[in-house]
Amino acid sequence: MLKAGITLLVLPGLLLMFAWWFDYKAALDCLYAGGSYDYVAQACLNDGSQAPFVSFAQRHPLGVNSFLVVSLLGLGLTMGGLYRRRQQSSQMNKNQ
């Protein structure tokens, strides 16, 4: 229970970080090339037009919110696993 909880706590954050990083890298490459990045179309605009900024969470609300819920589930499992481990160790101390 503890290992699954820690995995569910950490893994969604890492996956979200990698997804955000690839999105950020595409926008940064476009800006370095002298263009304007269209966040909705995920394309570089080289025609001089400006695209509005749309945050990653606004473009991917289901993914961000799902990862948050899974991380909270992982936190709950981790806390439950630690509580169970503490209960087991206190029972072992009473038996000795």
Foldseek 3Di string as FASTA:
>chain_A
DQVQLVCLQPVLVVVVVVVVVVLVVLQVVLVVVVFEAASQVRDTHPPPDHHDDDDPCRNCVVSVVVSVVSNVVSVVVNVVVVVVVVVVVVVVVVVD
